[in-house]
Protein backbone atom coordinates (compact mmCIF):
# COMPACT_ATOMS: atom_id res chain seq x y z
CA MET A 1 105.14 31.80 137.26
CA GLY A 2 106.09 34.44 139.77
CA THR A 3 107.66 37.74 138.77
CA ARG A 4 111.32 38.36 139.43
CA SER A 5 111.92 40.74 142.33
CA ALA A 6 113.84 43.93 141.47
CA THR A 7 116.43 43.32 144.20
CA VAL A 8 120.04 42.19 144.42
CA ARG A 9 120.96 39.68 147.13
CA MET A 10 124.07 40.60 149.13
CA GLY A 11 124.71 38.14 151.90
CA LYS A 12 121.64 37.97 154.08
CA HIS A 13 120.20 41.27 152.83
CA ASP A 14 118.23 42.19 149.72
CA VAL A 15 119.28 45.59 148.29
CA PRO A 16 116.64 47.27 146.07
CA THR A 17 117.84 48.05 142.55
CA TRP A 18 116.92 51.72 142.85
CA VAL A 19 119.26 52.05 145.85
CA LEU A 20 122.12 50.67 143.80
CA GLY A 21 121.23 53.09 141.01
CA LEU A 22 121.45 56.07 143.37
CA GLY A 23 124.85 54.99 144.68
CA PRO A 24 127.01 56.48 141.87
CA LEU A 25 124.98 59.73 141.96
CA ALA A 26 125.56 60.04 145.70
CA LEU A 27 129.31 59.54 145.24
CA VAL A 28 129.41 62.22 142.53
CA ALA A 29 127.56 64.63 144.85
CA LEU A 30 130.07 63.94 147.65
CA LEU A 31 132.98 64.53 145.27
CA VAL A 32 131.58 67.89 144.11
CA ALA A 33 130.93 68.94 147.72
CA ALA A 34 134.50 68.03 148.67
CA LEU A 35 135.95 70.03 145.77
CA PHE A 36 134.16 73.17 146.89
CA ALA A 37 134.60 72.62 150.64
CA PHE A 38 138.36 72.04 150.66
CA ASP A 39 139.35 74.36 147.77
CA LEU A 40 141.64 71.75 146.26
CA PRO A 41 144.69 72.88 144.20
CA GLY A 42 144.13 73.56 140.51
CA LEU A 43 140.54 74.82 140.92
CA ASP A 44 141.34 78.51 141.34
CA ARG A 45 140.34 80.90 138.55
CA ARG A 46 143.29 82.07 136.44
CA GLY A 47 143.77 84.64 133.69
CA VAL A 48 142.03 87.90 132.83
CA PRO A 49 138.45 88.17 134.15
CA GLN A 50 135.86 87.53 131.46
CA GLU A 51 133.30 90.28 131.96
CA VAL A 52 130.46 90.13 129.47
CA LEU A 53 127.11 91.89 129.88
CA ALA A 54 124.20 91.37 127.47
CA ALA A 55 121.01 93.43 127.33
CA GLU A 56 117.74 91.51 127.59
CA ARG A 57 115.17 94.27 127.73
CA THR A 58 114.92 98.06 127.58
CA VAL A 59 112.10 100.02 129.20
CA LEU A 60 111.66 103.74 128.59
CA HIS A 61 109.52 105.96 130.80
CA PRO A 62 109.49 109.78 130.82
CA GLY A 63 112.83 110.87 132.26
CA VAL A 64 114.02 107.30 132.95
CA ILE A 65 115.90 104.63 130.99
CA GLU A 66 115.79 101.10 132.42
CA LEU A 67 118.01 98.29 131.18
CA SER A 68 117.76 94.63 132.14
CA VAL A 69 121.23 93.13 131.70
CA ARG A 70 122.55 89.63 132.28
CA ASN A 71 126.06 88.45 133.10
CA ASP A 72 126.99 86.46 130.01
CA GLY A 73 130.58 85.74 131.04
CA ALA A 74 132.44 83.44 133.40
CA ASP A 75 133.22 85.94 136.18
CA PRO A 76 131.15 88.23 138.41
CA VAL A 77 130.78 91.78 137.10
CA THR A 78 130.70 94.89 139.27
CA VAL A 79 129.21 97.96 137.56
CA ALA A 80 131.06 101.07 138.75
CA GLN A 81 129.65 103.85 136.54
CA VAL A 82 126.94 104.47 133.95
CA SER A 83 127.09 106.93 131.08
CA VAL A 84 124.64 108.03 128.37
CA ASN A 85 126.13 109.39 125.15
CA ALA A 86 129.57 109.57 126.84
CA ALA A 87 128.25 111.68 129.76
CA PHE A 88 128.42 109.98 133.18
CA VAL A 89 125.16 109.83 135.16
CA PRO A 90 126.07 109.82 138.91
CA ALA A 91 122.46 109.21 139.97
CA ALA A 92 122.20 105.95 138.00
CA ASP A 93 121.29 102.90 140.08
CA VAL A 94 122.42 99.31 139.41
CA SER A 95 120.66 96.65 141.45
CA PRO A 96 122.51 94.52 142.37
CA GLY A 97 125.83 96.29 141.84
CA THR A 98 127.73 93.00 141.52
CA ILE A 99 126.21 90.59 139.03
CA GLY A 100 127.04 86.89 139.40
CA ARG A 101 127.40 84.51 136.49
CA LEU A 102 124.07 84.03 134.66
CA SER A 103 122.43 86.51 137.05
CA SER A 104 120.64 89.66 135.94
CA ALA A 105 120.51 93.23 137.15
CA ARG A 106 118.36 96.29 136.54
CA VAL A 107 120.07 99.52 135.55
CA THR A 108 117.92 102.60 136.23
CA VAL A 109 119.22 105.79 134.62
CA PRO A 110 117.53 109.17 135.27
CA TYR A 111 117.85 110.84 131.90
CA ASP A 112 115.69 113.29 129.95
CA TRP A 113 115.60 111.32 126.71
CA GLN A 114 113.75 112.61 123.64
CA GLU A 115 111.28 110.71 121.49
CA GLY A 116 112.82 109.42 118.27
CA GLU A 117 116.44 110.11 119.27
CA SER A 118 119.15 107.45 119.52
CA TYR A 119 121.29 106.88 122.62
CA GLU A 120 124.30 104.88 123.79
CA VAL A 121 124.20 103.60 127.37
CA SER A 122 127.62 102.43 128.59
CA LEU A 123 128.33 100.44 131.75
CA LEU A 124 131.88 100.74 133.14
CA THR A 125 132.91 97.73 135.23
CA GLY A 126 135.25 97.64 138.20
CA THR A 127 138.12 96.36 136.03
CA GLY A 128 137.72 99.15 133.47
CA ALA A 129 135.85 97.14 130.82
CA THR A 130 132.91 98.79 129.05
CA ALA A 131 129.63 97.32 127.84
CA THR A 132 127.74 99.60 125.44
CA PHE A 133 124.09 99.25 124.47
CA HIS A 134 122.47 101.15 121.60
CA LEU A 135 118.92 102.50 121.82
CA GLU A 136 117.64 103.35 118.35
CA ASP A 137 114.69 105.72 117.88
CA ALA A 138 113.69 105.92 121.55
CA THR A 139 109.97 105.39 122.20
CA ALA A 140 108.07 105.28 125.50
CA THR A 141 107.25 101.75 126.67
CA PRO A 142 103.47 101.21 126.95
CA ALA A 143 102.03 100.81 130.44
CA ARG A 144 101.05 97.22 131.26
CA ASP A 145 97.45 97.92 132.19
CA ALA A 146 94.11 96.46 131.14
CA GLY A 147 94.16 98.48 127.93
CA PHE A 148 97.58 97.05 127.03
CA PHE A 149 96.44 93.44 127.51
CA GLY A 150 93.26 94.19 125.57
CA LEU A 151 95.28 95.56 122.67
CA MET A 152 97.58 92.51 122.71
CA ALA A 153 94.49 90.29 122.58
CA LEU A 154 93.20 92.22 119.56
CA LEU A 155 96.54 91.86 117.80
CA GLY A 156 96.43 88.12 118.45
CA LEU A 157 92.92 87.97 116.99
CA TYR A 158 94.00 89.98 113.93
CA VAL A 159 97.03 87.83 113.10
CA GLY A 160 95.88 84.43 114.39
CA VAL A 161 92.24 83.63 115.09
CA ILE A 162 90.50 85.63 112.37
CA PRO A 163 92.77 84.71 109.41
CA VAL A 164 92.82 81.01 110.32
CA THR A 165 89.02 80.96 110.66
CA LEU A 166 88.60 82.66 107.29
CA GLY A 167 90.93 80.14 105.67
CA MET A 168 88.87 77.25 107.03
CA LEU A 169 85.89 78.56 105.03
CA TRP A 170 87.45 76.89 101.97
CA LEU A 171 86.23 73.53 103.27
CA PRO A 172 83.00 73.50 101.17
CA VAL A 173 85.05 74.18 98.03
CA LEU A 174 87.46 71.35 98.82
CA ARG A 175 84.56 68.92 99.23
CA ARG A 176 83.50 69.45 95.61
CA VAL A 177 86.84 68.89 93.90
CA ARG A 178 88.25 65.62 92.54
CA PRO A 179 90.62 63.41 94.56
CA ALA A 180 93.57 64.51 92.43
CA LEU A 181 92.92 68.12 93.45
CA ILE A 182 92.68 67.05 97.09
CA ARG A 183 96.21 65.65 96.81
CA PHE A 184 97.24 68.90 95.16
CA PHE A 185 95.90 70.93 98.08
CA LEU A 186 97.55 68.58 100.57
CA ALA A 187 100.83 69.24 98.73
CA VAL A 188 100.10 72.96 98.96
CA THR A 189 99.65 72.41 102.70
CA VAL A 190 103.07 70.77 102.92
CA GLY A 191 104.57 73.73 101.05
CA LEU A 192 102.92 76.16 103.47
CA LEU A 193 104.22 74.23 106.47
CA VAL A 194 107.76 73.93 105.10
CA PHE A 195 107.91 77.69 104.61
CA LEU A 196 106.54 78.35 108.10
CA GLY A 197 109.04 75.93 109.64
CA ILE A 198 112.05 77.43 107.88
CA ASP A 199 110.89 80.96 108.67
CA ALA A 200 110.41 80.16 112.37
CA LEU A 201 113.77 78.40 112.67
CA VAL A 202 115.68 81.23 110.96
CA GLU A 203 113.96 83.83 113.13
CA GLY A 204 114.64 81.76 116.24
CA ILE A 205 118.35 81.50 115.42
CA GLU A 206 118.54 85.26 114.82
CA THR A 207 116.69 86.01 118.06
CA GLY A 208 118.88 83.68 120.10
CA GLY A 209 122.01 85.18 118.59
CA SER A 210 120.97 88.70 119.58
CA GLY A 211 120.76 88.01 123.33
CA PRO A 212 122.84 86.39 126.08
CA GLN A 213 124.76 83.34 124.91
CA ALA A 214 125.28 81.70 128.31
CA PHE A 215 121.93 79.89 128.07
CA GLY A 216 122.65 78.52 124.60
CA GLY A 217 121.98 81.46 122.28
CA ALA A 218 120.95 80.36 118.80
CA GLY A 219 121.22 76.73 119.90
CA LEU A 220 118.02 77.18 121.92
CA ALA A 221 116.07 77.37 118.65
CA LEU A 222 117.45 73.99 117.57
CA LEU A 223 116.79 72.56 121.03
CA GLY A 224 113.20 73.78 120.93
CA ALA A 225 112.74 72.24 117.49
CA VAL A 226 113.96 68.82 118.68
CA VAL A 227 111.82 68.96 121.83
CA ALA A 228 108.70 69.86 119.85
CA PHE A 229 109.32 67.21 117.19
CA VAL A 230 109.64 64.48 119.81
CA ALA A 231 106.71 65.77 121.89
CA LEU A 232 104.37 66.01 118.91
CA THR A 233 105.37 62.50 117.86
CA ALA A 234 104.15 61.33 121.26
CA VAL A 235 100.95 63.37 120.85
CA ASP A 236 100.40 61.74 117.46
CA ALA A 237 100.74 58.27 119.00
CA HIS A 238 98.19 59.24 121.67
CA VAL A 239 95.78 60.66 119.08
CA ARG A 240 96.02 57.49 117.01
CA ARG A 241 94.76 55.51 120.02
CA ARG A 242 92.00 57.94 120.97
CA THR A 243 90.46 59.08 117.68
CA ASP A 244 87.47 57.34 116.14
CA GLY A 245 89.40 56.00 113.18
CA SER A 246 89.35 59.29 111.24
CA GLU A 247 92.78 59.64 109.62
CA GLY A 248 91.81 63.01 108.16
CA TYR A 249 90.84 64.44 111.53
CA ARG A 250 94.06 63.17 113.08
CA LEU A 251 96.09 65.03 110.47
CA ALA A 252 93.95 68.15 110.83
CA LEU A 253 94.47 68.08 114.60
CA LEU A 254 98.24 67.75 114.24
CA ILE A 255 98.33 70.58 111.70
CA ALA A 256 96.31 72.80 114.07
CA ILE A 257 98.72 72.03 116.93
CA GLY A 258 101.77 72.74 114.78
CA ILE A 259 100.36 75.99 113.42
CA GLY A 260 99.25 76.99 116.93
CA LEU A 261 102.79 76.59 118.26
CA HIS A 262 104.07 78.62 115.29
CA ASN A 263 101.51 81.35 115.99
CA LEU A 264 102.61 81.37 119.64
CA GLY A 265 106.08 82.39 118.48
CA GLU A 266 104.60 84.84 115.98
CA GLY A 267 102.52 86.49 118.69
CA LEU A 268 105.59 86.62 120.94
CA ALA A 269 107.51 88.56 118.31
CA ILE A 270 104.61 90.97 117.75
CA GLY A 271 104.03 91.61 121.45
CA SER A 272 107.70 92.28 122.15
CA ALA A 273 108.00 94.54 119.11
CA TYR A 274 105.00 96.58 120.26
CA ALA A 275 106.36 96.87 123.80
CA LEU A 276 109.63 98.20 122.38
CA GLY A 277 107.85 100.65 120.09
CA GLU A 278 109.08 98.86 116.96
CA LEU A 279 105.78 97.59 115.59
CA ALA A 280 104.27 99.61 112.75
CA LEU A 281 100.59 99.18 113.54
CA GLY A 282 98.16 99.98 110.79
CA ALA A 283 95.71 98.62 108.24
CA PHE A 284 98.51 97.49 105.90
CA LEU A 285 100.06 95.28 108.58
CA VAL A 286 96.70 93.74 109.50
CA VAL A 287 95.89 93.03 105.84
CA GLY A 288 99.32 91.50 105.35
CA PHE A 289 98.91 89.12 108.26
CA ALA A 290 95.36 88.29 107.19
CA LEU A 291 96.50 87.22 103.72
CA HIS A 292 99.56 85.41 105.06
CA ASN A 293 97.78 83.44 107.78
CA THR A 294 94.55 82.73 105.93
CA THR A 295 96.45 80.00 104.08
CA GLU A 296 96.96 78.30 107.46
CA GLY A 297 93.21 77.68 107.63
CA LEU A 298 93.39 75.99 104.22
CA ALA A 299 96.14 73.75 105.56
CA ILE A 300 93.93 72.63 108.47
CA VAL A 301 90.84 71.69 106.46
CA SER A 302 92.59 70.03 103.49
CA PRO A 303 92.90 66.61 105.22
CA ILE A 304 89.20 66.54 106.13
CA ALA A 305 87.82 67.58 102.74
CA GLY A 306 86.26 64.14 102.26
CA GLU A 307 84.68 63.95 105.71
CA GLN A 308 81.79 65.56 107.58
CA PRO A 309 83.33 66.86 110.82
CA ARG A 310 81.07 68.32 113.49
CA ALA A 311 80.94 72.10 113.81
CA GLY A 312 82.35 71.89 117.32
CA ARG A 313 85.44 70.11 116.04
CA LEU A 314 86.00 72.75 113.39
CA VAL A 315 85.73 75.52 116.00
CA ALA A 316 88.17 73.65 118.24
CA LEU A 317 90.67 73.25 115.39
CA GLY A 318 90.49 76.96 114.55
CA ALA A 319 90.95 77.99 118.19
CA LEU A 320 93.84 75.55 118.64
CA ALA A 321 95.65 77.05 115.66
CA GLY A 322 94.85 80.75 116.11
CA ALA A 323 94.38 81.46 119.83
CA PRO A 324 98.05 80.88 120.81
CA ALA A 325 98.84 84.13 118.98
CA VAL A 326 96.99 85.98 121.76
CA LEU A 327 98.98 84.19 124.47
CA GLY A 328 102.21 84.86 122.60
CA ALA A 329 101.42 88.57 122.31
CA TRP A 330 100.81 88.78 126.07
CA ILE A 331 104.07 87.00 126.88
CA GLY A 332 106.01 89.09 124.38
CA GLY A 333 104.64 92.34 125.73
CA VAL A 334 105.38 91.53 129.38
CA ALA A 335 108.18 89.00 129.79
CA PHE A 336 110.04 88.71 126.49
CA SER A 337 113.68 87.62 126.47
CA PRO A 338 115.82 86.55 123.50
CA ALA A 339 116.38 83.12 125.07
CA LEU A 340 112.64 82.50 125.53
CA GLY A 341 111.87 83.82 122.06
CA ALA A 342 114.48 81.59 120.42
CA PHE A 343 113.22 78.50 122.22
CA LEU A 344 109.54 79.08 121.43
CA LEU A 345 110.23 79.88 117.78
CA GLY A 346 112.22 76.65 117.60
CA VAL A 347 109.29 74.80 119.18
CA GLY A 348 107.04 76.09 116.39
CA ALA A 349 109.54 74.99 113.72
CA GLY A 350 109.93 71.50 115.19
CA ALA A 351 106.19 70.98 115.51
CA ILE A 352 105.60 72.03 111.93
CA ALA A 353 108.37 69.71 110.69
CA GLN A 354 106.75 66.75 112.44
CA VAL A 355 103.37 67.59 110.93
CA ALA A 356 104.84 67.84 107.43
CA VAL A 357 106.37 64.38 107.87
CA GLN A 358 102.96 63.01 108.91
CA ILE A 359 101.18 64.50 105.91
CA ALA A 360 103.69 63.32 103.28
CA PRO A 361 102.31 59.73 102.97
CA SER A 362 98.84 61.14 102.23
CA LEU A 363 100.14 62.62 98.98
CA ARG A 364 100.33 59.16 97.39
CA GLU A 365 97.41 58.13 95.20
CA ARG A 366 97.98 54.48 96.04
CA VAL A 367 100.19 52.64 98.53
CA GLY A 368 103.68 52.15 97.14
CA GLU A 369 103.56 55.09 94.73
CA ARG A 370 106.00 57.98 94.85
CA VAL A 371 105.14 60.99 97.02
CA LEU A 372 106.40 63.52 94.46
CA THR A 373 104.42 63.41 91.24
CA PRO A 374 103.85 66.31 88.82
CA VAL A 375 100.64 67.17 90.72
CA THR A 376 102.13 67.08 94.22
CA ALA A 377 105.39 68.75 93.17
CA THR A 378 103.37 71.59 91.66
CA GLY A 379 101.30 71.91 94.82
CA LEU A 380 104.43 72.01 96.97
CA GLY A 381 105.85 74.80 94.83
CA VAL A 382 102.59 76.74 94.92
CA GLY A 383 102.47 76.51 98.71
CA LEU A 384 106.02 77.85 99.05
CA ALA A 385 105.35 80.64 96.53
CA VAL A 386 102.11 81.75 98.20
CA MET A 387 103.72 81.94 101.63
CA TYR A 388 106.72 83.83 100.29
CA ALA A 389 104.56 86.32 98.40
CA THR A 390 102.28 87.03 101.35
CA SER A 391 105.25 87.28 103.76
CA LEU A 392 106.44 90.31 101.77
CA LEU A 393 103.35 92.18 103.00
CA ILE A 394 104.38 91.84 106.66
CA SER A 395 106.73 94.33 108.27
CA VAL A 396 107.35 93.94 112.00
């Protein structure tokens, strides 16, 4: 039997289906072009201009304050004057002076600021509206040189690679325990992941809410979560086809991916905090992250406790989970924005949620039994409690 041709017969001509599909889109494009070209009645802007400016990034160098601001309103904004602590700065430069909708501008203010002091930078628009930005405890922004990137890499190693690797050293212990304890540790893993997912989603919503809202604000965290959940579901389907039948390794791989995406967001927050001078570096912080993230290594190796994975696979799992913290720290230190931070934190939350859903069936002792038993419920509670307790040691 021959296949049916994807065409539609119209008279003596065959019209491809894809041409018919593009027809409505072409008509919509023509309509939009006509609306703008002929300035049809009813399309003119009415009412009071909506001038909203939101700060995305602050950079402090000796004698200079730089603000990156974005037009978060519906109308163009023209910045007429700049003041610091209610004193106008005539030499301030705004480039460009008129900021279109969704566009950004750089405000450069020559000002002899002092370390540790707080300042208010106000932008007066052409219509008389004022946008005020608060700089708390001013600190010089680190130079983005080789030393800066090296330090960001070290921070990523401290909070990601090293703790995860140490946690994976529990694998020999897990191999010696009874199957009931394996299910207990898998339940602990689910508890760890649930806490990480909630923490990432809450932080993403807060981050999105603190920046420009025109791109979606806090909703970007939810969008990132949905995108990651769907994408990791597709990855899981691909892994099921490609793996050598090892269900434990498949789960371990998914856990490593989910934790890696979470650590990407964690590194992003750390890098941006350091660039803004808000990160309290010290032994206490490193120890706190080490204890907090070591449990992530336990989560990775729990599904493969009954198997004999090759050393190369274990190294790959550890790198997949921990190394994204280095990349996140670099991005956060150089190109952080609230919108990007919210989206990536949401991605981490969505990935972790998908992994937790995949692990849940493994908590059953036999097919058809309930997932929550006294053993698994206890493990879930222990996982949540451990993550909460160790999170109290972290102050960023």
